[in-house]
Amino acid sequence: MGPFSLIVLTIAAIVFSAGGILAGRLFNKGSNNSQKGQAYECGIPTQTSPWHQFNVGYYLFALLFLIFDVELIFMYPWAVVVKKIGITALFEILVFVFILFMGFLYAHKKGALKWM
């Protein structure tokens, strides 16, 4: 598993991506329907322009959710091998959780967790 496998995986990713795009263009009939350009909201026709600005707090809340969700993804493999690695694994996860907790405190201090 050296640089050769990385090159093979990169080429495979490019081939599969390009193949999917090419297949979509070959087999798609396509139509010039005016409704394709309209925003879809649960089947109800839109009353105003769909292009309006959202409050940045929603995006911050979503990013914080993703950060702490990814934290759990890293904790599951750690929980599987914690007995094999020993005290080193415990120290590493404590550092990891501490860094995330500091980010959480910073977000709380800045008011990113307050709902509108």
C-alpha atoms as a PDB file:
ATOM      1  CA  MET A   1       0.000   0.000   0.000  1.00  0.00           C
ATOM      2  CA  GLY A   2       2.152   2.773  -1.252  1.00  0.00           C
ATOM      3  CA  PRO A   3       1.731   5.640  -3.640  1.00  0.00           C
ATOM      4  CA  PHE A   4       0.696   3.215  -6.396  1.00  0.00           C
ATOM      5  CA  SER A   5      -2.564   2.337  -4.617  1.00  0.00           C
ATOM      6  CA  LEU A   6      -3.351   6.027  -4.154  1.00  0.00           C
ATOM      7  CA  ILE A   7      -2.838   6.625  -7.863  1.00  0.00           C
ATOM      8  CA  VAL A   8      -5.058   3.641  -8.744  1.00  0.00           C
ATOM      9  CA  LEU A   9      -7.829   4.857  -6.403  1.00  0.00           C
ATOM     10  CA  THR A  10      -7.630   8.371  -7.839  1.00  0.00           C
ATOM     11  CA  ILE A  11      -7.891   7.062 -11.397  1.00  0.00           C
ATOM     12  CA  ALA A  12     -10.789   4.802 -10.414  1.00  0.00           C
ATOM     13  CA  ALA A  13     -12.611   7.742  -8.814  1.00  0.00           C
ATOM     14  CA  ILE A  14     -12.157   9.865 -11.928  1.00  0.00           C
ATOM     15  CA  VAL A  15     -13.300   7.040 -14.238  1.00  0.00           C
ATOM     16  CA  PHE A  16     -16.408   6.253 -12.164  1.00  0.00           C
ATOM     17  CA  SER A  17     -17.335   9.938 -11.856  1.00  0.00           C
ATOM     18  CA  ALA A  18     -16.853  10.629 -15.543  1.00  0.00           C
ATOM     19  CA  GLY A  19     -18.711   7.414 -16.418  1.00  0.00           C
ATOM     20  CA  GLY A  20     -21.722   8.448 -14.366  1.00  0.00           C
ATOM     21  CA  ILE A  21     -21.828  11.892 -15.929  1.00  0.00           C
ATOM     22  CA  LEU A  22     -21.407  10.454 -19.429  1.00  0.00           C
ATOM     23  CA  ALA A  23     -24.158   7.865 -18.865  1.00  0.00           C
ATOM     24  CA  GLY A  24     -26.484  10.596 -17.622  1.00  0.00           C
ATOM     25  CA  ARG A  25     -25.882  12.686 -20.712  1.00  0.00           C
ATOM     26  CA  LEU A  26     -26.288   9.741 -23.087  1.00  0.00           C
ATOM     27  CA  PHE A  27     -29.532   8.356 -21.644  1.00  0.00           C
ATOM     28  CA  ASN A  28     -31.261  11.617 -20.668  1.00  0.00           C
ATOM     29  CA  LYS A  29     -33.920  12.750 -23.117  1.00  0.00           C
ATOM     30  CA  GLY A  30     -34.050  16.293 -21.785  1.00  0.00           C
ATOM     31  CA  SER A  31     -36.930  18.698 -22.179  1.00  0.00           C
ATOM     32  CA  ASN A  32     -37.387  22.442 -22.260  1.00  0.00           C
ATOM     33  CA  ASN A  33     -40.150  22.633 -19.676  1.00  0.00           C
ATOM     34  CA  SER A  34     -40.502  26.035 -17.992  1.00  0.00           C
ATOM     35  CA  GLN A  35     -41.372  24.401 -14.655  1.00  0.00           C
ATOM     36  CA  LYS A  36     -37.905  22.883 -14.375  1.00  0.00           C
ATOM     37  CA  GLY A  37     -36.410  26.235 -13.434  1.00  0.00           C
ATOM     38  CA  GLN A  38     -38.900  26.919 -10.643  1.00  0.00           C
ATOM     39  CA  ALA A  39     -38.259  26.180  -6.982  1.00  0.00           C
ATOM     40  CA  TYR A  40     -40.096  23.131  -5.638  1.00  0.00           C
ATOM     41  CA  GLU A  41     -41.679  23.497  -2.215  1.00  0.00           C
ATOM     42  CA  CYS A  42     -43.866  20.507  -1.398  1.00  0.00           C
ATOM     43  CA  GLY A  43     -45.965  20.850  -4.544  1.00  0.00           C
ATOM     44  CA  ILE A  44     -47.268  24.298  -3.638  1.00  0.00           C
ATOM     45  CA  PRO A  45     -46.620  27.002  -6.248  1.00  0.00           C
ATOM     46  CA  THR A  46     -44.307  29.717  -4.975  1.00  0.00           C
ATOM     47  CA  GLN A  47     -45.846  33.106  -4.214  1.00  0.00           C
ATOM     48  CA  THR A  48     -42.680  35.224  -4.033  1.00  0.00           C
ATOM     49  CA  SER A  49     -39.120  34.981  -5.240  1.00  0.00           C
ATOM     50  CA  PRO A  50     -37.305  31.986  -3.730  1.00  0.00           C
ATOM     51  CA  TRP A  51     -34.047  33.961  -3.583  1.00  0.00           C
ATOM     52  CA  HIS A  52     -34.008  35.502  -0.154  1.00  0.00           C
ATOM     53  CA  GLN A  53     -31.288  35.666   2.463  1.00  0.00           C
ATOM     54  CA  PHE A  54     -31.367  33.367   5.482  1.00  0.00           C
ATOM     55  CA  ASN A  55     -30.052  34.291   8.879  1.00  0.00           C
ATOM     56  CA  VAL A  56     -26.429  33.180   9.301  1.00  0.00           C
ATOM     57  CA  GLY A  57     -27.337  31.614  12.658  1.00  0.00           C
ATOM     58  CA  TYR A  58     -28.954  28.673  10.884  1.00  0.00           C
ATOM     59  CA  TYR A  59     -25.717  27.912   9.062  1.00  0.00           C
ATOM     60  CA  LEU A  60     -23.657  28.212  12.243  1.00  0.00           C
ATOM     61  CA  PHE A  61     -26.014  25.861  14.033  1.00  0.00           C
ATOM     62  CA  ALA A  62     -25.758  23.339  11.183  1.00  0.00           C
ATOM     63  CA  LEU A  63     -21.956  23.535  11.139  1.00  0.00           C
ATOM     64  CA  LEU A  64     -21.780  22.968  14.883  1.00  0.00           C
ATOM     65  CA  PHE A  65     -24.044  19.955  14.502  1.00  0.00           C
ATOM     66  CA  LEU A  66     -21.746  18.535  11.820  1.00  0.00           C
ATOM     67  CA  ILE A  67     -18.662  19.081  13.975  1.00  0.00           C
ATOM     68  CA  PHE A  68     -20.121  17.181  16.911  1.00  0.00           C
ATOM     69  CA  ASP A  69     -21.590  14.538  14.644  1.00  0.00           C
ATOM     70  CA  VAL A  70     -18.161  13.881  13.137  1.00  0.00           C
ATOM     71  CA  GLU A  71     -16.804  13.636  16.680  1.00  0.00           C
ATOM     72  CA  LEU A  72     -18.992  10.585  17.218  1.00  0.00           C
ATOM     73  CA  ILE A  73     -17.711   9.015  14.013  1.00  0.00           C
ATOM     74  CA  PHE A  74     -14.186   9.220  15.432  1.00  0.00           C
ATOM     75  CA  MET A  75     -15.241   7.895  18.832  1.00  0.00           C
ATOM     76  CA  TYR A  76     -16.704   4.588  17.625  1.00  0.00           C
ATOM     77  CA  PRO A  77     -13.439   3.169  16.252  1.00  0.00           C
ATOM     78  CA  TRP A  78     -11.661   4.463  19.342  1.00  0.00           C
ATOM     79  CA  ALA A  79     -14.083   2.566  21.566  1.00  0.00           C
ATOM     80  CA  VAL A  80     -13.334  -0.652  19.674  1.00  0.00           C
ATOM     81  CA  VAL A  81      -9.548  -0.483  20.118  1.00  0.00           C
ATOM     82  CA  VAL A  82      -9.263   1.280  23.477  1.00  0.00           C
ATOM     83  CA  LYS A  83      -8.388  -1.931  25.365  1.00  0.00           C
ATOM     84  CA  LYS A  84      -5.680  -2.880  22.875  1.00  0.00           C
ATOM     85  CA  ILE A  85      -3.977   0.507  22.884  1.00  0.00           C
ATOM     86  CA  GLY A  86      -4.304   1.215  26.596  1.00  0.00           C
ATOM     87  CA  ILE A  87      -3.560   4.464  28.375  1.00  0.00           C
ATOM     88  CA  THR A  88      -2.314   6.123  25.188  1.00  0.00           C
ATOM     89  CA  ALA A  89      -5.779   5.882  23.656  1.00  0.00           C
ATOM     90  CA  LEU A  90      -7.331   7.382  26.768  1.00  0.00           C
ATOM     91  CA  PHE A  91      -4.952  10.337  26.702  1.00  0.00           C
ATOM     92  CA  GLU A  92      -5.528  10.925  22.981  1.00  0.00           C
ATOM     93  CA  ILE A  93      -9.316  10.904  23.288  1.00  0.00           C
ATOM     94  CA  LEU A  94      -9.149  13.269  26.250  1.00  0.00           C
ATOM     95  CA  VAL A  95      -7.113  15.730  24.187  1.00  0.00           C
ATOM     96  CA  PHE A  96      -9.562  15.318  21.285  1.00  0.00           C
ATOM     97  CA  VAL A  97     -12.630  15.909  23.474  1.00  0.00           C
ATOM     98  CA  PHE A  98     -10.927  18.854  25.191  1.00  0.00           C
ATOM     99  CA  ILE A  99     -10.289  20.572  21.847  1.00  0.00           C
ATOM    100  CA  LEU A 100     -13.902  20.007  20.796  1.00  0.00           C
ATOM    101  CA  PHE A 101     -15.142  21.248  24.167  1.00  0.00           C
ATOM    102  CA  MET A 102     -13.110  24.435  23.777  1.00  0.00           C
ATOM    103  CA  GLY A 103     -14.743  24.944  20.375  1.00  0.00           C
ATOM    104  CA  PHE A 104     -18.135  24.390  21.971  1.00  0.00           C
ATOM    105  CA  LEU A 105     -17.378  26.972  24.672  1.00  0.00           C
ATOM    106  CA  TYR A 106     -16.216  29.452  22.041  1.00  0.00           C
ATOM    107  CA  ALA A 107     -19.411  28.965  20.021  1.00  0.00           C
ATOM    108  CA  HIS A 108     -21.499  29.335  23.175  1.00  0.00           C
ATOM    109  CA  LYS A 109     -19.637  32.527  24.123  1.00  0.00           C
ATOM    110  CA  LYS A 110     -20.196  34.009  20.653  1.00  0.00           C
ATOM    111  CA  GLY A 111     -23.916  33.189  20.830  1.00  0.00           C
ATOM    112  CA  ALA A 112     -23.955  30.687  17.966  1.00  0.00           C
ATOM    113  CA  LEU A 113     -26.122  28.288  19.974  1.00  0.00           C
ATOM    114  CA  LYS A 114     -28.876  30.777  20.745  1.00  0.00           C
ATOM    115  CA  TRP A 115     -31.897  30.101  18.605  1.00  0.00           C
ATOM    116  CA  MET A 116     -33.424  33.057  16.773  1.00  0.00           C
END
